[in-house]
Protein backbone atom coordinates (compact mmCIF):
# COMPACT_ATOMS: atom_id res chain seq x y z
CA UNK A 1 19.16 -3.07 -2.17
CA UNK A 2 18.01 -5.41 -4.75
CA UNK A 3 15.13 -7.33 -3.49
CA UNK A 4 15.66 -10.06 -6.09
CA UNK A 5 18.78 -10.99 -4.09
CA UNK A 6 16.83 -11.72 -0.76
CA UNK A 7 15.22 -15.00 -0.01
CA UNK A 8 11.49 -14.62 0.49
CA UNK A 9 11.51 -15.02 4.43
CA UNK A 10 14.05 -11.95 4.54
CA UNK A 11 11.71 -9.99 2.12
CA UNK A 12 8.74 -10.59 4.65
CA UNK A 13 11.04 -9.69 7.48
CA UNK A 14 12.10 -6.59 5.78
CA UNK A 15 8.63 -5.59 4.92
CA UNK A 16 7.28 -6.17 8.32
CA UNK A 17 10.24 -4.21 9.94
CA UNK A 18 9.37 -1.13 7.44
CA UNK A 19 5.50 -1.30 8.63
CA UNK A 20 6.60 -1.28 12.19
CA UNK A 21 8.90 1.73 11.78
CA UNK A 22 6.13 3.39 9.98
CA UNK A 23 3.92 2.89 13.09
CA UNK A 24 6.16 5.24 15.03
CA UNK A 25 4.59 8.13 13.35
CA UNK A 26 6.87 7.92 10.18
CA UNK A 27 4.43 7.83 7.48
CA UNK A 28 7.05 8.29 4.84
CA UNK A 29 8.44 4.80 5.64
CA UNK A 30 4.99 3.48 5.04
CA UNK A 31 5.01 5.06 1.65
CA UNK A 32 8.43 3.67 0.91
CA UNK A 33 7.31 0.20 1.90
CA UNK A 34 4.34 0.35 -0.22
CA UNK A 35 6.20 1.42 -3.32
CA UNK A 36 9.26 -0.83 -2.76
CA UNK A 37 7.33 -4.02 -2.14
CA UNK A 38 4.54 -3.44 -4.49
CA UNK A 39 5.75 -5.68 -7.11
CA UNK A 40 6.65 -8.63 -4.72
CA UNK A 41 3.05 -8.35 -3.41
CA UNK A 42 0.98 -7.92 -6.53
CA UNK A 43 3.25 -8.79 -9.66
CA UNK A 44 5.41 -11.69 -8.74
CA UNK A 45 4.26 -15.36 -9.10
CA UNK A 46 2.66 -16.67 -5.90
CA UNK A 47 4.86 -17.88 -3.12
CA UNK A 48 4.25 -18.65 0.57
CA UNK A 49 5.31 -15.25 2.07
CA UNK A 50 3.55 -13.15 -0.37
CA UNK A 51 0.02 -13.14 1.29
CA UNK A 52 1.72 -11.54 4.39
CA UNK A 53 3.76 -9.19 2.24
CA UNK A 54 0.49 -8.18 0.38
CA UNK A 55 -1.24 -7.48 3.92
CA UNK A 56 1.88 -5.01 5.02
CA UNK A 57 1.84 -3.34 1.63
CA UNK A 58 -1.79 -2.68 1.77
CA UNK A 59 -1.62 -1.35 5.42
CA UNK A 60 1.25 0.64 4.57
CA UNK A 61 -0.47 2.40 1.58
CA UNK A 62 -3.47 2.99 3.62
CA UNK A 63 -1.71 4.41 6.55
CA UNK A 64 0.45 6.63 4.29
CA UNK A 65 -2.83 7.92 2.48
CA UNK A 66 -4.63 8.59 5.67
CA UNK A 67 -1.52 10.76 6.74
CA UNK A 68 -1.49 12.66 3.47
CA UNK A 69 -5.15 13.51 3.83
CA UNK A 70 -4.74 14.42 7.38
CA UNK A 71 -1.79 16.70 6.45
CA UNK A 72 -3.54 18.29 3.51
CA UNK A 73 -6.69 18.98 5.88
CA UNK A 74 -4.56 20.63 8.40
CA UNK A 75 -2.62 22.74 5.92
CA UNK A 76 -5.81 23.96 4.36
CA UNK A 77 -7.46 24.79 7.83
CA UNK A 78 -4.35 26.40 8.92
CA UNK A 79 -3.81 28.57 5.77
CA UNK A 80 -7.56 29.63 5.64
CA UNK A 81 -7.55 30.58 9.51
CA UNK A 82 -4.18 31.77 10.53
CA UNK A 83 -5.00 35.48 10.54
CA UNK A 84 -8.24 34.90 12.14
CA UNK A 85 -6.58 32.98 14.89
CA UNK A 86 -4.39 35.91 15.85
CA UNK A 87 -1.61 35.42 18.29
CA UNK A 88 -2.16 31.68 18.42
CA UNK A 89 -1.96 31.40 14.54
CA UNK A 90 1.26 33.31 14.73
CA UNK A 91 2.74 31.35 17.40
CA UNK A 92 1.89 28.17 15.45
CA UNK A 93 3.66 29.75 12.20
CA UNK A 94 7.65 29.09 11.73
CA UNK A 95 7.62 32.34 9.71
CA UNK A 96 5.12 34.93 10.43
CA UNK A 97 4.15 36.80 7.15
CA UNK A 98 3.63 40.42 7.41
CA UNK A 99 -0.03 41.64 7.08
CA UNK A 100 -2.81 39.81 5.51
CA UNK A 101 -4.21 38.97 2.11
């Protein structure tokens, strides 16, 4: 979709909708929202709805960043402790590697 074809009120409505969808534990949608509307929020000349779009872009980028940090932390903890957790670590694994490093 070309955002340049949409009127400003529809851009705000779409940005708000993507933010709300991201709130349903879909951080990828937040990342898409932040990237897709970045130019609208920070590069384009000012217009009435831009302040609200900027708010949603910042919140989407922040939410996606928090999810990425949490995911990296979980992956690190799990990879370092899977063997030590024994059967619980194995039951959390989709593919159980043989042996230990």
